[in-house]
N, C-alpha and C. Protein backbone atom coordinates (compact mmCIF):
# COMPACT_ATOMS: atom_id res chain seq x y z
N UNK A 1 -12.68 30.80 12.11
CA UNK A 1 -11.56 30.69 11.18
C UNK A 1 -11.62 31.89 10.24
N UNK A 2 -10.50 32.60 10.12
CA UNK A 2 -10.45 33.78 9.26
C UNK A 2 -10.34 33.36 7.80
N UNK A 3 -10.54 34.31 6.93
CA UNK A 3 -10.48 34.04 5.50
C UNK A 3 -9.09 33.55 5.10
N UNK A 4 -8.06 34.15 5.68
CA UNK A 4 -6.68 33.73 5.37
C UNK A 4 -6.41 32.31 5.88
N UNK A 5 -6.94 31.97 7.04
CA UNK A 5 -6.77 30.62 7.58
C UNK A 5 -7.48 29.59 6.71
N UNK A 6 -8.67 29.96 6.22
CA UNK A 6 -9.40 29.05 5.34
C UNK A 6 -8.63 28.83 4.04
N UNK A 7 -8.09 29.93 3.50
CA UNK A 7 -7.32 29.83 2.25
C UNK A 7 -6.10 28.95 2.46
N UNK A 8 -5.41 29.10 3.58
CA UNK A 8 -4.24 28.28 3.89
C UNK A 8 -4.63 26.81 4.05
N UNK A 9 -5.77 26.57 4.69
CA UNK A 9 -6.24 25.20 4.87
C UNK A 9 -6.56 24.55 3.53
N UNK A 10 -7.22 25.29 2.65
CA UNK A 10 -7.57 24.77 1.32
C UNK A 10 -6.30 24.44 0.54
N UNK A 11 -5.30 25.31 0.61
CA UNK A 11 -4.03 25.06 -0.08
C UNK A 11 -3.33 23.82 0.50
N UNK A 12 -3.39 23.68 1.81
CA UNK A 12 -2.77 22.51 2.46
C UNK A 12 -3.45 21.22 2.02
N UNK A 13 -4.78 21.22 2.00
CA UNK A 13 -5.52 20.03 1.59
C UNK A 13 -5.20 19.69 0.14
N UNK A 14 -5.22 20.71 -0.73
CA UNK A 14 -4.94 20.48 -2.16
C UNK A 14 -3.55 19.90 -2.35
N UNK A 15 -2.58 20.40 -1.63
CA UNK A 15 -1.21 19.89 -1.74
C UNK A 15 -1.12 18.44 -1.25
N UNK A 16 -1.80 18.15 -0.16
CA UNK A 16 -1.78 16.78 0.36
C UNK A 16 -2.45 15.82 -0.62
N UNK A 17 -3.52 16.27 -1.27
CA UNK A 17 -4.21 15.44 -2.27
C UNK A 17 -3.28 15.17 -3.44
N UNK A 18 -2.57 16.20 -3.90
CA UNK A 18 -1.64 16.03 -5.02
C UNK A 18 -0.54 15.02 -4.70
N UNK A 19 -0.06 15.02 -3.46
CA UNK A 19 1.07 14.17 -3.07
C UNK A 19 0.67 12.77 -2.65
N UNK A 20 -0.61 12.53 -2.46
CA UNK A 20 -1.07 11.23 -1.95
C UNK A 20 -1.23 10.22 -3.08
N UNK A 21 -0.83 8.99 -2.80
CA UNK A 21 -1.07 7.91 -3.77
C UNK A 21 -2.42 7.24 -3.50
N UNK A 22 -2.93 7.41 -2.29
CA UNK A 22 -4.24 6.89 -1.92
C UNK A 22 -4.92 7.83 -0.94
N UNK A 23 -6.20 8.07 -1.17
CA UNK A 23 -6.99 8.96 -0.30
C UNK A 23 -8.25 8.22 0.11
N UNK A 24 -8.55 8.27 1.39
CA UNK A 24 -9.74 7.61 1.93
C UNK A 24 -10.56 8.64 2.70
N UNK A 25 -11.83 8.76 2.35
CA UNK A 25 -12.76 9.60 3.10
C UNK A 25 -13.53 8.68 4.04
N UNK A 26 -13.60 9.08 5.31
CA UNK A 26 -14.24 8.18 6.28
C UNK A 26 -15.09 8.95 7.26
N UNK A 27 -16.13 8.28 7.75
CA UNK A 27 -16.99 8.78 8.81
C UNK A 27 -16.46 8.18 10.11
N UNK A 28 -16.03 9.04 11.00
CA UNK A 28 -15.44 8.59 12.25
C UNK A 28 -16.36 8.81 13.44
N UNK A 29 -17.61 9.21 13.16
CA UNK A 29 -18.54 9.48 14.27
C UNK A 29 -18.81 8.19 15.03
N UNK A 30 -18.95 8.33 16.32
CA UNK A 30 -19.19 7.16 17.16
C UNK A 30 -17.92 6.55 17.71
N UNK A 31 -16.77 7.05 17.29
CA UNK A 31 -15.51 6.52 17.79
C UNK A 31 -15.14 7.19 19.11
N UNK A 32 -14.59 6.41 20.00
CA UNK A 32 -14.10 6.97 21.26
C UNK A 32 -12.75 7.64 21.01
N UNK A 33 -12.37 8.50 21.93
CA UNK A 33 -11.07 9.17 21.81
C UNK A 33 -9.95 8.14 21.81
N UNK A 34 -10.07 7.11 22.64
CA UNK A 34 -9.05 6.06 22.70
C UNK A 34 -8.94 5.34 21.36
N UNK A 35 -10.08 5.07 20.73
CA UNK A 35 -10.07 4.37 19.43
C UNK A 35 -9.42 5.26 18.36
N UNK A 36 -9.77 6.53 18.35
CA UNK A 36 -9.18 7.45 17.36
C UNK A 36 -7.67 7.52 17.56
N UNK A 37 -7.24 7.64 18.81
CA UNK A 37 -5.81 7.71 19.08
C UNK A 37 -5.08 6.43 18.68
N UNK A 38 -5.70 5.29 18.93
CA UNK A 38 -5.10 4.01 18.53
C UNK A 38 -4.97 3.92 17.01
N UNK A 39 -6.00 4.35 16.31
CA UNK A 39 -5.96 4.33 14.85
C UNK A 39 -4.91 5.31 14.32
N UNK A 40 -4.84 6.48 14.90
CA UNK A 40 -3.83 7.47 14.48
C UNK A 40 -2.41 6.93 14.68
N UNK A 41 -2.18 6.24 15.81
CA UNK A 41 -0.87 5.65 16.06
C UNK A 41 -0.53 4.62 14.98
N UNK A 42 -1.50 3.78 14.67
CA UNK A 42 -1.28 2.75 13.65
C UNK A 42 -0.98 3.40 12.29
N UNK A 43 -1.74 4.44 11.96
CA UNK A 43 -1.47 5.17 10.72
C UNK A 43 -0.05 5.75 10.74
N UNK A 44 0.30 6.40 11.84
CA UNK A 44 1.61 7.06 11.96
C UNK A 44 2.75 6.06 11.76
N UNK A 45 2.63 4.89 12.37
CA UNK A 45 3.70 3.88 12.27
C UNK A 45 3.83 3.32 10.86
N UNK A 46 2.84 3.55 10.02
CA UNK A 46 2.87 3.04 8.66
C UNK A 46 2.97 4.14 7.61
N UNK A 47 3.35 5.35 8.02
CA UNK A 47 3.54 6.45 7.07
C UNK A 47 2.25 6.96 6.45
N UNK A 48 1.16 6.87 7.20
CA UNK A 48 -0.15 7.31 6.72
C UNK A 48 -0.62 8.42 7.66
N UNK A 49 -1.34 9.40 7.12
CA UNK A 49 -1.85 10.46 7.99
C UNK A 49 -3.37 10.51 7.94
N UNK A 50 -3.96 10.96 9.04
CA UNK A 50 -5.41 11.08 9.16
C UNK A 50 -5.71 12.46 9.73
N UNK A 51 -6.53 13.22 9.02
CA UNK A 51 -6.87 14.57 9.44
C UNK A 51 -8.35 14.81 9.20
N UNK A 52 -8.93 15.66 10.05
CA UNK A 52 -10.33 16.03 9.91
C UNK A 52 -10.39 17.48 9.43
N UNK A 53 -11.14 17.71 8.36
CA UNK A 53 -11.37 19.05 7.82
C UNK A 53 -12.87 19.25 7.64
N UNK A 54 -13.28 20.48 7.52
CA UNK A 54 -14.67 20.77 7.19
C UNK A 54 -14.90 20.38 5.73
N UNK A 55 -16.09 19.86 5.46
CA UNK A 55 -16.41 19.43 4.10
C UNK A 55 -16.30 20.57 3.09
N UNK A 56 -16.66 21.77 3.48
CA UNK A 56 -16.58 22.91 2.54
C UNK A 56 -15.13 23.17 2.14
N UNK A 57 -14.21 23.04 3.08
CA UNK A 57 -12.80 23.25 2.76
C UNK A 57 -12.29 22.13 1.85
N UNK A 58 -12.74 20.91 2.11
CA UNK A 58 -12.33 19.78 1.25
C UNK A 58 -12.85 19.99 -0.16
N UNK A 59 -14.10 20.42 -0.28
CA UNK A 59 -14.68 20.67 -1.61
C UNK A 59 -13.86 21.71 -2.38
N UNK A 60 -13.54 22.81 -1.71
CA UNK A 60 -12.76 23.87 -2.36
C UNK A 60 -11.39 23.35 -2.80
N UNK A 61 -10.77 22.55 -1.97
CA UNK A 61 -9.46 22.00 -2.31
C UNK A 61 -9.55 21.03 -3.48
N UNK A 62 -10.58 20.19 -3.50
CA UNK A 62 -10.72 19.21 -4.58
C UNK A 62 -10.99 19.89 -5.92
N UNK A 63 -11.61 21.07 -5.88
CA UNK A 63 -11.84 21.81 -7.12
C UNK A 63 -10.53 22.31 -7.73
N UNK A 64 -9.52 22.48 -6.87
CA UNK A 64 -8.21 22.96 -7.35
C UNK A 64 -7.37 21.84 -7.95
N UNK A 65 -7.73 20.60 -7.68
CA UNK A 65 -6.96 19.45 -8.16
C UNK A 65 -7.83 18.66 -9.13
N UNK A 66 -7.28 18.40 -10.31
CA UNK A 66 -8.05 17.67 -11.32
C UNK A 66 -8.20 16.20 -10.97
N UNK A 67 -9.34 15.62 -11.36
CA UNK A 67 -9.54 14.19 -11.25
C UNK A 67 -10.21 13.71 -9.97
N UNK A 68 -10.65 14.64 -9.12
CA UNK A 68 -11.24 14.24 -7.84
C UNK A 68 -12.70 14.69 -7.69
N UNK A 69 -13.34 15.01 -8.80
CA UNK A 69 -14.74 15.44 -8.76
C UNK A 69 -15.66 14.35 -8.24
N UNK A 70 -15.29 13.10 -8.43
CA UNK A 70 -16.11 11.98 -7.99
C UNK A 70 -16.26 11.88 -6.49
N UNK A 71 -15.45 12.60 -5.73
CA UNK A 71 -15.54 12.56 -4.27
C UNK A 71 -16.58 13.52 -3.70
N UNK A 72 -17.03 14.46 -4.49
CA UNK A 72 -17.93 15.51 -3.99
C UNK A 72 -19.20 14.93 -3.35
N UNK A 73 -19.75 13.88 -3.93
CA UNK A 73 -20.99 13.28 -3.40
C UNK A 73 -20.79 12.63 -2.04
N UNK A 74 -19.55 12.32 -1.69
CA UNK A 74 -19.27 11.64 -0.42
C UNK A 74 -19.00 12.61 0.73
N UNK A 75 -18.99 13.88 0.44
CA UNK A 75 -18.68 14.88 1.46
C UNK A 75 -19.94 15.33 2.19
N UNK A 76 -20.47 14.42 2.98
CA UNK A 76 -21.65 14.70 3.82
C UNK A 76 -21.36 14.15 5.21
N UNK A 77 -21.77 14.87 6.22
CA UNK A 77 -21.56 14.42 7.60
C UNK A 77 -20.10 14.55 7.99
N UNK A 78 -19.75 14.03 9.16
CA UNK A 78 -18.36 14.11 9.62
C UNK A 78 -17.44 13.37 8.66
N UNK A 79 -16.37 14.04 8.25
CA UNK A 79 -15.47 13.45 7.27
C UNK A 79 -14.02 13.63 7.70
N UNK A 80 -13.33 12.52 7.78
CA UNK A 80 -11.89 12.54 8.00
C UNK A 80 -11.22 12.05 6.74
N UNK A 81 -10.03 12.54 6.49
CA UNK A 81 -9.30 12.12 5.29
C UNK A 81 -8.04 11.37 5.71
N UNK A 82 -7.87 10.21 5.11
CA UNK A 82 -6.67 9.41 5.32
C UNK A 82 -5.83 9.55 4.04
N UNK A 83 -4.58 9.95 4.21
CA UNK A 83 -3.67 10.12 3.08
C UNK A 83 -2.60 9.04 3.13
N UNK A 84 -2.57 8.19 2.11
CA UNK A 84 -1.48 7.22 1.95
C UNK A 84 -0.48 7.81 0.98
N UNK A 85 0.71 8.10 1.45
CA UNK A 85 1.68 8.79 0.61
C UNK A 85 2.46 7.81 -0.26
N UNK A 86 3.13 6.85 0.35
CA UNK A 86 3.97 5.93 -0.41
C UNK A 86 3.21 4.74 -0.96
N UNK A 87 2.24 4.26 -0.25
CA UNK A 87 1.51 3.06 -0.65
C UNK A 87 0.01 3.33 -0.56
N UNK A 88 -0.71 3.23 -1.68
CA UNK A 88 -2.14 3.52 -1.64
C UNK A 88 -2.97 2.44 -0.97
N UNK A 89 -2.43 1.24 -0.79
CA UNK A 89 -3.20 0.12 -0.26
C UNK A 89 -3.06 -0.03 1.25
N UNK A 90 -1.93 0.37 1.81
CA UNK A 90 -1.71 0.14 3.24
C UNK A 90 -2.78 0.78 4.13
N UNK A 91 -3.32 1.97 3.81
CA UNK A 91 -4.40 2.49 4.66
C UNK A 91 -5.62 1.56 4.68
N UNK A 92 -5.93 0.94 3.57
CA UNK A 92 -7.08 0.03 3.51
C UNK A 92 -6.86 -1.16 4.44
N UNK A 93 -5.65 -1.69 4.45
CA UNK A 93 -5.34 -2.82 5.33
C UNK A 93 -5.41 -2.42 6.79
N UNK A 94 -4.89 -1.25 7.10
CA UNK A 94 -4.92 -0.76 8.48
C UNK A 94 -6.36 -0.58 8.94
N UNK A 95 -7.18 0.04 8.10
CA UNK A 95 -8.58 0.28 8.44
C UNK A 95 -9.32 -1.05 8.61
N UNK A 96 -9.08 -1.97 7.70
CA UNK A 96 -9.74 -3.28 7.77
C UNK A 96 -9.39 -3.98 9.08
N UNK A 97 -8.11 -4.02 9.43
CA UNK A 97 -7.68 -4.66 10.67
C UNK A 97 -8.24 -3.94 11.90
N UNK A 98 -8.25 -2.62 11.85
CA UNK A 98 -8.77 -1.83 12.96
C UNK A 98 -10.26 -2.11 13.16
N UNK A 99 -11.01 -2.15 12.07
CA UNK A 99 -12.45 -2.37 12.16
C UNK A 99 -12.81 -3.77 12.68
N UNK A 100 -11.94 -4.75 12.48
CA UNK A 100 -12.19 -6.09 13.02
C UNK A 100 -12.29 -6.04 14.54
N UNK A 101 -11.42 -5.23 15.15
CA UNK A 101 -11.37 -5.14 16.61
C UNK A 101 -12.30 -4.07 17.20
N UNK A 102 -12.86 -3.22 16.33
CA UNK A 102 -13.67 -2.10 16.83
C UNK A 102 -15.05 -2.03 16.17
N UNK A 103 -15.63 -3.14 15.83
CA UNK A 103 -17.01 -3.22 15.32
C UNK A 103 -17.29 -2.29 14.14
N UNK A 104 -16.38 -2.21 13.20
CA UNK A 104 -16.56 -1.40 11.98
C UNK A 104 -16.97 0.04 12.28
N UNK A 105 -16.37 0.64 13.28
CA UNK A 105 -16.74 2.00 13.67
C UNK A 105 -16.14 3.06 12.73
N UNK A 106 -15.05 2.75 12.07
CA UNK A 106 -14.42 3.67 11.12
C UNK A 106 -14.94 3.33 9.74
N UNK A 107 -15.94 4.08 9.29
CA UNK A 107 -16.66 3.74 8.05
C UNK A 107 -16.08 4.51 6.86
N UNK A 108 -15.50 3.77 5.93
CA UNK A 108 -14.94 4.40 4.73
C UNK A 108 -16.08 4.74 3.79
N UNK A 109 -16.14 6.02 3.42
CA UNK A 109 -17.17 6.48 2.48
C UNK A 109 -16.72 6.22 1.04
N UNK A 110 -15.47 6.58 0.77
CA UNK A 110 -14.92 6.43 -0.57
C UNK A 110 -13.40 6.44 -0.48
N UNK A 111 -12.78 5.94 -1.53
CA UNK A 111 -11.32 6.04 -1.60
C UNK A 111 -10.91 6.30 -3.04
N UNK A 112 -9.73 6.85 -3.17
CA UNK A 112 -9.18 7.16 -4.48
C UNK A 112 -7.79 6.55 -4.56
N UNK A 113 -7.60 5.74 -5.59
CA UNK A 113 -6.29 5.17 -5.86
C UNK A 113 -5.96 5.48 -7.30
N UNK A 114 -4.81 6.15 -7.49
CA UNK A 114 -4.39 6.57 -8.82
C UNK A 114 -5.52 7.33 -9.53
N UNK A 115 -6.15 8.23 -8.82
CA UNK A 115 -7.23 9.11 -9.29
C UNK A 115 -8.48 8.36 -9.76
N UNK A 116 -8.62 7.12 -9.34
CA UNK A 116 -9.85 6.37 -9.61
C UNK A 116 -10.63 6.25 -8.31
N UNK A 117 -11.89 6.69 -8.35
CA UNK A 117 -12.72 6.72 -7.15
C UNK A 117 -13.43 5.38 -6.97
N UNK A 118 -13.35 4.85 -5.74
CA UNK A 118 -14.02 3.61 -5.38
C UNK A 118 -14.95 3.88 -4.20
N UNK A 119 -16.10 3.26 -4.19
CA UNK A 119 -17.01 3.37 -3.06
C UNK A 119 -16.39 2.66 -1.86
N UNK A 120 -16.71 3.13 -0.67
CA UNK A 120 -16.17 2.56 0.56
C UNK A 120 -16.52 1.10 0.76
N UNK A 121 -17.60 0.64 0.13
CA UNK A 121 -18.00 -0.76 0.26
C UNK A 121 -16.97 -1.71 -0.36
N UNK A 122 -16.04 -1.19 -1.13
CA UNK A 122 -15.03 -2.02 -1.79
C UNK A 122 -13.72 -2.08 -1.00
N UNK A 123 -13.77 -1.69 0.27
CA UNK A 123 -12.58 -1.67 1.11
C UNK A 123 -11.90 -3.04 1.17
N UNK A 124 -12.69 -4.10 1.30
CA UNK A 124 -12.12 -5.46 1.38
C UNK A 124 -11.30 -5.79 0.13
N UNK A 125 -11.83 -5.43 -1.03
CA UNK A 125 -11.13 -5.70 -2.29
C UNK A 125 -9.82 -4.92 -2.36
N UNK A 126 -9.89 -3.67 -1.96
CA UNK A 126 -8.69 -2.82 -2.02
C UNK A 126 -7.64 -3.31 -1.04
N UNK A 127 -8.08 -3.72 0.15
CA UNK A 127 -7.14 -4.22 1.17
C UNK A 127 -6.45 -5.50 0.70
N UNK A 128 -7.09 -6.23 -0.21
CA UNK A 128 -6.52 -7.49 -0.70
C UNK A 128 -5.47 -7.26 -1.81
N UNK A 129 -5.38 -6.05 -2.32
CA UNK A 129 -4.40 -5.75 -3.37
C UNK A 129 -2.99 -5.82 -2.78
N UNK A 130 -2.00 -6.16 -3.60
CA UNK A 130 -0.63 -6.17 -3.08
C UNK A 130 -0.14 -4.75 -2.81
N UNK A 131 0.67 -4.61 -1.77
CA UNK A 131 1.24 -3.30 -1.47
C UNK A 131 2.40 -3.02 -2.42
N UNK A 132 2.87 -1.81 -2.39
CA UNK A 132 4.00 -1.43 -3.23
C UNK A 132 5.21 -2.29 -2.88
N UNK A 133 5.40 -2.53 -1.59
CA UNK A 133 6.52 -3.35 -1.13
C UNK A 133 6.41 -4.77 -1.68
N UNK A 134 5.18 -5.33 -1.70
CA UNK A 134 4.96 -6.68 -2.24
C UNK A 134 5.29 -6.74 -3.73
N UNK A 135 4.86 -5.71 -4.47
CA UNK A 135 5.11 -5.66 -5.91
C UNK A 135 6.61 -5.57 -6.18
N UNK A 136 7.31 -4.71 -5.40
CA UNK A 136 8.75 -4.56 -5.59
C UNK A 136 9.49 -5.86 -5.28
N UNK A 137 9.05 -6.57 -4.24
CA UNK A 137 9.67 -7.85 -3.89
C UNK A 137 9.46 -8.86 -5.02
N UNK A 138 8.28 -8.85 -5.61
CA UNK A 138 8.00 -9.75 -6.73
C UNK A 138 8.87 -9.45 -7.94
N UNK A 139 9.06 -8.18 -8.21
CA UNK A 139 9.91 -7.77 -9.34
C UNK A 139 11.36 -8.20 -9.07
N UNK A 140 11.82 -7.96 -7.85
CA UNK A 140 13.20 -8.33 -7.49
C UNK A 140 13.39 -9.84 -7.63
N UNK A 141 12.41 -10.61 -7.19
CA UNK A 141 12.51 -12.07 -7.30
C UNK A 141 12.51 -12.49 -8.76
N UNK A 142 11.69 -11.84 -9.58
CA UNK A 142 11.63 -12.18 -11.00
C UNK A 142 12.95 -11.86 -11.70
N UNK A 143 13.58 -10.76 -11.30
CA UNK A 143 14.87 -10.40 -11.89
C UNK A 143 15.96 -11.34 -11.41
N UNK A 144 15.89 -11.72 -10.14
CA UNK A 144 16.93 -12.56 -9.54
C UNK A 144 16.82 -14.02 -9.98
N UNK A 145 15.64 -14.49 -10.34
CA UNK A 145 15.43 -15.90 -10.68
C UNK A 145 16.33 -16.40 -11.82
N UNK A 146 16.42 -15.68 -12.96
CA UNK A 146 17.29 -16.18 -14.03
C UNK A 146 18.75 -16.29 -13.60
N UNK A 147 19.21 -15.34 -12.79
CA UNK A 147 20.60 -15.38 -12.32
C UNK A 147 20.82 -16.59 -11.43
N UNK A 148 19.88 -16.83 -10.52
CA UNK A 148 19.96 -17.98 -9.63
C UNK A 148 19.92 -19.28 -10.43
N UNK A 149 19.05 -19.33 -11.43
CA UNK A 149 18.96 -20.53 -12.27
C UNK A 149 20.25 -20.77 -13.03
N UNK A 150 20.84 -19.71 -13.56
CA UNK A 150 22.11 -19.83 -14.29
C UNK A 150 23.20 -20.36 -13.38
N UNK A 151 23.26 -19.85 -12.17
CA UNK A 151 24.27 -20.33 -11.21
C UNK A 151 24.04 -21.81 -10.92
N UNK A 152 22.79 -22.23 -10.81
CA UNK A 152 22.48 -23.64 -10.57
C UNK A 152 22.91 -24.51 -11.73
N UNK A 153 22.70 -24.05 -12.96
CA UNK A 153 23.10 -24.80 -14.15
C UNK A 153 24.61 -24.91 -14.21
N UNK A 154 25.32 -23.82 -13.93
CA UNK A 154 26.78 -23.84 -13.96
C UNK A 154 27.31 -24.80 -12.91
N UNK A 155 26.75 -24.74 -11.70
CA UNK A 155 27.17 -25.65 -10.64
C UNK A 155 26.89 -27.10 -11.01
N UNK A 156 25.73 -27.34 -11.61
CA UNK A 156 25.37 -28.70 -12.01
C UNK A 156 26.32 -29.21 -13.09
N UNK A 157 26.67 -28.35 -14.04
CA UNK A 157 27.58 -28.76 -15.12
C UNK A 157 28.95 -29.11 -14.56
N UNK A 158 29.48 -28.28 -13.67
CA UNK A 158 30.80 -28.57 -13.10
C UNK A 158 30.75 -29.83 -12.23
N UNK A 159 29.64 -30.02 -11.49
CA UNK A 159 29.49 -31.21 -10.66
C UNK A 159 29.44 -32.46 -11.54
N UNK A 160 28.69 -32.38 -12.66
CA UNK A 160 28.60 -33.50 -13.58
C UNK A 160 29.96 -33.82 -14.20
N UNK A 161 30.73 -32.78 -14.53
CA UNK A 161 32.06 -32.97 -15.10
C UNK A 161 32.96 -33.70 -14.10
N UNK A 162 32.91 -33.28 -12.85
CA UNK A 162 33.71 -33.94 -11.80
C UNK A 162 33.29 -35.40 -11.67
N UNK A 163 32.00 -35.68 -11.68
CA UNK A 163 31.51 -37.06 -11.58
C UNK A 163 32.00 -37.92 -12.76
N UNK A 164 32.01 -37.36 -13.96
CA UNK A 164 32.47 -38.09 -15.14
C UNK A 164 33.97 -38.38 -15.01
N UNK A 165 34.74 -37.36 -14.60
CA UNK A 165 36.19 -37.56 -14.42
C UNK A 165 36.48 -38.60 -13.35
N UNK A 166 35.72 -38.56 -12.22
CA UNK A 166 35.88 -39.58 -11.18
C UNK A 166 35.60 -40.98 -11.72
N UNK A 167 34.57 -41.09 -12.54
CA UNK A 167 34.21 -42.39 -13.11
C UNK A 167 35.32 -42.90 -14.03
N UNK A 168 35.91 -41.99 -14.82
CA UNK A 168 36.99 -42.39 -15.73
C UNK A 168 38.21 -42.86 -14.93
N UNK A 169 38.55 -42.08 -13.88
CA UNK A 169 39.69 -42.45 -13.04
C UNK A 169 39.44 -43.81 -12.39
N UNK A 170 38.25 -44.03 -11.87
CA UNK A 170 37.92 -45.30 -11.21
C UNK A 170 37.98 -46.45 -12.21
N UNK A 171 37.51 -46.20 -13.43
CA UNK A 171 37.51 -47.26 -14.46
C UNK A 171 38.96 -47.61 -14.81
N UNK A 172 39.85 -46.62 -14.91
CA UNK A 172 41.26 -46.89 -15.22
C UNK A 172 41.92 -47.65 -14.08
N UNK A 173 41.58 -47.22 -12.83
CA UNK A 173 42.16 -47.92 -11.67
C UNK A 173 41.70 -49.37 -11.63
N UNK A 174 40.42 -49.61 -11.94
CA UNK A 174 39.89 -50.98 -11.96
C UNK A 174 40.56 -51.81 -13.07
N UNK A 175 40.81 -51.15 -14.23
CA UNK A 175 41.44 -51.85 -15.35
C UNK A 175 42.88 -52.20 -15.02
N UNK A 176 43.60 -51.31 -14.33
CA UNK A 176 44.99 -51.57 -13.97
C UNK A 176 45.08 -52.63 -12.89
N UNK A 177 44.12 -52.65 -11.99
CA UNK A 177 44.12 -53.63 -10.90
C UNK A 177 43.80 -55.02 -11.42
N UNK A 178 43.13 -55.10 -12.51
CA UNK A 178 42.72 -56.39 -13.03
C UNK A 178 43.74 -57.08 -13.85
């Protein structure tokens, strides 16, 4: 790799780190080509990317971006980087599900969510967090609930009014019939 290629790679890594909402460093050694391809497909279908870089290039890139110094200790041995762009939690769920079927062969060394570094041993906790889509659905439901409740109250009030009017009409009819 030439000096210019290394510089371009460092710039690419730094840019991807800046744009990512979640970053996962993982040891992929011991994985078969079929397993790697299956994991890459799953990442791709969920808007997540997985790339392998040399640790020295990753170190240089992380020095250019503030807040990622905590990852330096994890850059030993084979390292692949998973970038979650839109949702920082979805890569954790994908990795967790993948590892269930593949004997934990994709070992997460560390992850970063909102520039906070977590050890890879906390993958289960991170995977249990709600995704961005889940949070947005909860907000939408919370906003929609008062409107739905108001519509229910209005419907109930008009229904009750109709019932009262029916009762009055029936009472008058009974009085006239008697």
